[in-house]
């Protein structure tokens, strides 16, 4: 058992914290959860589910959108490729720009559904804009 003084412990924590790599915006596909997590800022956030696919992350500091969680990526991929075979053109080396994914989801909605959900549409547009700003892309599980 190692015993550290409060000062030694604080020094150790500072050492670990200073060696951590800086935050980098981006997206990560989790094959176990079949989801893509996307973050643009390293802020504390709260989450709000907007539909069966996306949970939006909002900064606690600014209430601005700073990311999202996209669930059921394999199912979404299949639906998009079945409905829009040309979507495969947007996939480069197994990765897709999240902005394209958000917009494709909007295109796949029925017009009547889009009319009823203008807030969701604006949220998807904002997510696409955020993803474009940081050039976020993630695996689209094409295997």
Protein backbone atom coordinates (compact mmCIF):
# COMPACT_ATOMS: atom_id res chain seq x y z
CA UNK A 1 0.00 0.00 0.00
CA UNK A 2 1.34 3.41 -0.99
CA UNK A 3 0.56 6.32 1.28
CA UNK A 4 0.72 9.82 -0.13
CA UNK A 5 0.45 13.13 1.64
CA UNK A 6 -2.23 15.54 0.43
CA UNK A 7 0.48 17.55 -1.34
CA UNK A 8 1.95 14.46 -3.04
CA UNK A 9 -1.52 13.36 -4.09
CA UNK A 10 -2.29 16.81 -5.53
CA UNK A 11 1.02 16.77 -7.42
CA UNK A 12 0.19 13.32 -8.86
CA UNK A 13 -3.27 14.48 -9.98
CA UNK A 14 -1.74 17.59 -11.61
CA UNK A 15 0.80 15.40 -13.40
CA UNK A 16 -1.90 13.10 -14.78
CA UNK A 17 -4.13 16.00 -15.80
CA UNK A 18 -1.33 17.88 -17.55
CA UNK A 19 -0.35 14.80 -19.58
CA UNK A 20 -3.87 14.35 -20.98
CA UNK A 21 -4.15 15.21 -24.65
CA UNK A 22 -6.12 18.37 -25.51
CA UNK A 23 -9.73 18.04 -26.60
CA UNK A 24 -10.26 17.52 -30.32
CA UNK A 25 -13.77 17.79 -31.84
CA UNK A 26 -14.95 14.75 -33.69
CA UNK A 27 -17.11 11.66 -33.89
CA UNK A 28 -16.60 8.09 -32.78
CA UNK A 29 -18.49 4.98 -33.86
CA UNK A 30 -19.05 2.45 -31.04
CA UNK A 31 -19.73 -0.95 -32.64
CA UNK A 32 -20.94 -2.46 -29.35
CA UNK A 33 -23.64 0.19 -28.97
CA UNK A 34 -24.09 0.65 -32.74
CA UNK A 35 -23.99 4.39 -32.18
CA UNK A 36 -21.97 7.45 -33.14
CA UNK A 37 -21.11 10.01 -30.48
CA UNK A 38 -20.23 13.47 -31.75
CA UNK A 39 -18.79 16.38 -29.71
CA UNK A 40 -17.61 19.82 -30.81
CA UNK A 41 -16.71 21.29 -27.39
CA UNK A 42 -15.35 19.88 -24.11
CA UNK A 43 -18.13 21.47 -22.04
CA UNK A 44 -20.42 19.86 -19.51
CA UNK A 45 -23.66 19.13 -21.31
CA UNK A 46 -27.21 17.98 -20.88
CA UNK A 47 -28.96 15.71 -23.34
CA UNK A 48 -32.38 15.79 -25.02
CA UNK A 49 -33.70 13.00 -27.20
CA UNK A 50 -35.41 14.48 -30.26
CA UNK A 51 -36.51 11.31 -32.05
CA UNK A 52 -35.85 7.58 -32.26
CA UNK A 53 -32.42 8.23 -33.78
CA UNK A 54 -30.77 11.28 -32.20
CA UNK A 55 -30.08 12.59 -28.73
CA UNK A 56 -28.76 16.16 -28.83
CA UNK A 57 -26.08 17.44 -26.43
CA UNK A 58 -26.43 21.07 -25.26
CA UNK A 59 -23.70 23.01 -23.44
CA UNK A 60 -24.63 23.80 -19.82
CA UNK A 61 -22.68 27.06 -20.22
CA UNK A 62 -24.28 28.39 -23.40
CA UNK A 63 -27.26 26.10 -24.15
CA UNK A 64 -25.86 25.77 -27.68
CA UNK A 65 -25.74 22.42 -29.47
CA UNK A 66 -22.30 20.86 -28.97
CA UNK A 67 -22.91 17.32 -30.17
CA UNK A 68 -25.15 14.30 -30.33
CA UNK A 69 -25.56 10.57 -29.98
CA UNK A 70 -26.87 8.75 -33.05
CA UNK A 71 -28.34 5.35 -32.21
CA UNK A 72 -29.06 2.42 -34.53
CA UNK A 73 -26.42 3.36 -37.08
CA UNK A 74 -26.49 -0.02 -38.87
CA UNK A 75 -30.24 0.19 -39.33
CA UNK A 76 -30.01 3.80 -40.51
CA UNK A 77 -27.26 2.85 -42.98
CA UNK A 78 -29.41 0.07 -44.41
CA UNK A 79 -32.48 2.32 -44.73
CA UNK A 80 -30.50 5.09 -46.42
CA UNK A 81 -28.75 2.76 -48.85
CA UNK A 82 -32.02 0.96 -49.69
CA UNK A 83 -33.85 4.24 -50.31
CA UNK A 84 -30.91 6.19 -51.77
CA UNK A 85 -28.35 3.83 -53.35
CA UNK A 86 -26.35 6.86 -54.43
CA UNK A 87 -25.69 7.68 -50.77
CA UNK A 88 -22.73 5.29 -50.99
CA UNK A 89 -20.95 8.07 -52.94
CA UNK A 90 -20.89 10.08 -49.68
CA UNK A 91 -18.98 7.31 -47.91
CA UNK A 92 -15.19 7.60 -48.25
CA UNK A 93 -12.99 4.75 -46.95
CA UNK A 94 -15.81 3.48 -44.74
CA UNK A 95 -16.41 6.91 -43.22
CA UNK A 96 -19.19 9.39 -43.76
CA UNK A 97 -19.30 13.08 -42.91
CA UNK A 98 -21.87 13.49 -40.17
CA UNK A 99 -23.33 16.52 -41.93
CA UNK A 100 -24.31 14.21 -44.82
CA UNK A 101 -25.79 11.70 -42.40
CA UNK A 102 -27.92 14.34 -40.65
CA UNK A 103 -29.15 15.73 -43.96
CA UNK A 104 -29.89 12.28 -45.37
CA UNK A 105 -32.02 11.57 -42.31
CA UNK A 106 -34.01 14.73 -43.05
CA UNK A 107 -34.43 13.79 -46.72
CA UNK A 108 -35.77 10.38 -45.75
CA UNK A 109 -38.68 11.79 -43.74
CA UNK A 110 -42.13 12.02 -45.30
CA UNK A 111 -43.20 15.61 -46.17
CA UNK A 112 -46.17 15.51 -43.78
CA UNK A 113 -43.89 14.41 -40.94
CA UNK A 114 -41.44 17.24 -41.70
CA UNK A 115 -44.23 19.83 -41.54
CA UNK A 116 -45.23 18.74 -38.03
CA UNK A 117 -41.69 18.79 -36.69
CA UNK A 118 -40.11 22.11 -37.65
CA UNK A 119 -38.13 22.25 -34.39
CA UNK A 120 -36.61 18.85 -35.10
CA UNK A 121 -35.74 19.96 -38.64
CA UNK A 122 -33.97 23.07 -37.34
CA UNK A 123 -32.12 20.93 -34.81
CA UNK A 124 -30.95 18.54 -37.53
CA UNK A 125 -29.83 21.53 -39.62
CA UNK A 126 -27.88 22.91 -36.65
CA UNK A 127 -26.29 19.49 -36.04
CA UNK A 128 -25.27 19.31 -39.71
CA UNK A 129 -23.78 22.82 -39.49
CA UNK A 130 -21.85 21.90 -36.30
CA UNK A 131 -20.56 18.71 -37.93
CA UNK A 132 -19.44 20.66 -41.00
CA UNK A 133 -17.64 23.27 -38.89
CA UNK A 134 -15.40 20.63 -37.31
CA UNK A 135 -15.34 18.32 -40.36
CA UNK A 136 -16.67 15.42 -38.26
CA UNK A 137 -16.82 12.00 -39.82
CA UNK A 138 -17.28 8.49 -38.46
CA UNK A 139 -17.41 4.89 -39.56
CA UNK A 140 -20.68 3.92 -41.18
CA UNK A 141 -20.24 0.23 -40.38
CA UNK A 142 -20.25 -0.92 -43.99
CA UNK A 143 -18.79 -4.32 -43.18
